[in-house]
Amino acid sequence: MAQYRISGVWKDSNNVITHYAFHTVNEKTISRASKKSKADAIKLLETSGNSAVTWVWNYSASFWRLGEKVEVVNGSSGKYLRSNPDNTTTDNLSNLIDFDWIAP
């Protein structure tokens, strides 16, 4: 059983998320980001007991805040990750930090 935070994404030329920045929540620390493919991210979150939330950088306060729960959804084009569809744009997966320009 593991807890994760997702702080950013990588997208392809069609603006589709291909990878996620996963952080493992430990007892007293949180790991550095680890780049996970869409398939690996789905596999992690489908493992019983594992969970993830978005981790959103608050620019005005200069700290991270917990966002929404992330779950695996089986859509018409296959499985994908989705945050709680609460109409809050800032904590949705596609609006997290774009890691393309930070770490290829």
Protein backbone atom coordinates (compact mmCIF):
# COMPACT_ATOMS: atom_id res chain seq x y z
CA MET A 1 0.00 0.00 0.00
CA ALA A 2 1.50 3.32 -1.09
CA GLN A 3 0.44 6.93 -1.30
CA TYR A 4 1.51 9.14 -4.19
CA ARG A 5 1.31 12.77 -5.22
CA ILE A 6 1.29 13.87 -8.84
CA SER A 7 2.87 17.29 -9.38
CA GLY A 8 3.19 17.52 -13.14
CA VAL A 9 2.76 15.97 -16.56
CA TRP A 10 4.46 15.49 -19.92
CA LYS A 11 2.33 15.88 -23.06
CA ASP A 12 2.76 14.89 -26.69
CA SER A 13 2.40 17.20 -29.71
CA ASN A 14 -1.40 16.72 -29.57
CA ASN A 15 -1.51 18.00 -25.97
CA VAL A 16 -2.30 14.50 -24.65
CA ILE A 17 -0.72 13.48 -21.34
CA THR A 18 1.86 10.72 -21.85
CA HIS A 19 3.72 10.73 -18.51
CA TYR A 20 3.18 11.85 -14.91
CA ALA A 21 5.51 13.19 -12.20
CA PHE A 22 4.89 10.81 -9.26
CA HIS A 23 6.16 11.42 -5.72
CA THR A 24 6.06 8.67 -3.11
CA VAL A 25 4.77 9.77 0.30
CA ASN A 26 6.95 8.28 3.03
CA GLU A 27 6.47 8.51 6.79
CA LYS A 28 8.39 11.78 7.15
CA THR A 29 9.37 12.75 3.61
CA ILE A 30 8.13 12.90 0.04
CA SER A 31 10.34 11.62 -2.76
CA ARG A 32 11.60 13.61 -5.72
CA ALA A 33 9.52 13.31 -8.87
CA SER A 34 9.74 10.06 -10.78
CA LYS A 35 8.58 10.08 -14.41
CA LYS A 36 5.93 7.39 -14.94
CA SER A 37 4.38 6.46 -18.27
CA LYS A 38 0.61 6.43 -18.56
CA ALA A 39 0.63 2.60 -18.48
CA ASP A 40 2.88 2.48 -15.39
CA ALA A 41 0.77 5.12 -13.62
CA ILE A 42 -2.40 3.14 -14.28
CA LYS A 43 -0.76 -0.05 -13.04
CA LEU A 44 0.38 1.68 -9.82
CA LEU A 45 -3.05 3.08 -9.05
CA GLU A 46 -4.86 -0.15 -9.90
CA THR A 47 -2.80 -1.94 -7.27
CA SER A 48 -5.00 -2.51 -4.24
CA GLY A 49 -4.34 0.00 -1.46
CA ASN A 50 -2.41 2.50 -3.60
CA SER A 51 -3.76 6.04 -3.95
CA ALA A 52 -2.75 9.39 -5.42
CA VAL A 53 -3.72 13.04 -5.24
CA THR A 54 -2.69 16.00 -7.32
CA TRP A 55 0.00 18.17 -5.73
CA VAL A 56 -0.43 21.77 -6.74
CA TRP A 57 2.17 24.53 -6.40
CA ASN A 58 0.67 27.62 -4.77
CA TYR A 59 2.63 30.44 -6.40
CA SER A 60 1.42 33.23 -4.12
CA ALA A 61 2.25 31.37 -0.90
CA SER A 62 5.30 29.47 -2.28
CA PHE A 63 4.34 26.00 -1.08
CA TRP A 64 2.71 22.79 -2.27
CA ARG A 65 -0.91 22.04 -1.43
CA LEU A 66 -2.90 18.85 -1.82
CA GLY A 67 -5.35 18.86 -4.68
CA GLU A 68 -7.84 16.23 -5.75
CA LYS A 69 -7.92 12.45 -5.58
CA VAL A 70 -6.73 10.75 -8.78
CA GLU A 71 -8.38 7.59 -10.05
CA VAL A 72 -8.20 5.20 -12.99
CA VAL A 73 -11.16 5.53 -15.35
CA ASN A 74 -12.06 3.20 -18.21
CA GLY A 75 -13.15 5.48 -21.06
CA SER A 76 -14.18 4.81 -24.64
CA SER A 77 -10.53 4.93 -25.79
CA GLY A 78 -9.14 2.89 -22.88
CA LYS A 79 -7.98 3.51 -19.34
CA TYR A 80 -6.64 6.86 -18.19
CA LEU A 81 -6.08 8.86 -14.98
CA ARG A 82 -8.58 11.48 -13.90
CA SER A 83 -8.75 13.79 -10.93
CA ASN A 84 -12.04 14.47 -9.18
CA PRO A 85 -14.15 16.26 -11.81
CA ASP A 86 -15.09 19.14 -9.52
CA ASN A 87 -14.80 21.92 -12.11
CA THR A 88 -11.74 23.34 -10.36
CA THR A 89 -9.34 23.85 -13.25
CA THR A 90 -6.18 24.41 -11.20
CA ASP A 91 -6.07 20.91 -9.70
CA ASN A 92 -6.96 18.93 -12.81
CA LEU A 93 -4.16 16.74 -14.18
CA SER A 94 -3.84 18.59 -17.49
CA ASN A 95 -3.30 21.87 -15.64
CA LEU A 96 -0.45 20.67 -13.44
CA ILE A 97 3.12 21.83 -14.13
CA ASP A 98 4.28 21.02 -17.66
CA PHE A 99 7.51 19.10 -17.10
CA ASP A 100 8.39 18.98 -20.83
CA TRP A 101 10.64 22.02 -20.53
CA ILE A 102 12.07 21.02 -17.12
CA ALA A 103 12.97 17.35 -17.60
CA PRO A 104 12.64 15.64 -20.98
